[in-house]
Amino acid sequence: QPVTPGELNRLFTEKEVYNASGDIVWGEIGKALPNSSVNVESSVSGKKIDEWLKKRIYPLARVKNNGNGASHWVLIVGSDSDGYLCMDPLRSGSEPVPLSVHGNKVYSIRSVSWSDD
């Protein structure tokens, strides 16, 4: 059964997945989503990202804004002939942007998947 963003926020709050600063404690996600599998990695291959995308798992990637700015997170949602595409909360619009606008460099990556079993 799908979980709405509001429901997920409620679960994360009740199960203390957020720390005092409001950050997600990735190792605690299993308390809120018992059938989840959480991946927290400092680096990942393109092959692994491709495997996740084929399974409809969309990883969060820590990048440097515009390739050399402050660190921030984007959601990798697909790829095209030029590379990966991501949703970037710092950009207006609802269209994905190429990961190349952030220098094609991923500094760490997170993914969460779960089964209904």
Foldseek 3Di string as FASTA:
>chain_A
DDDDPVRLVVLCVVQVQADPVRDGVQVSVCSSVVQKDKDKWQDDDPVVCVVCLVVVWWKWFWFAQQQPHHTDIWTFNQADPVGTWTHDPVDDDDGTDHCVSRVPDTRIMMIMDGDPD
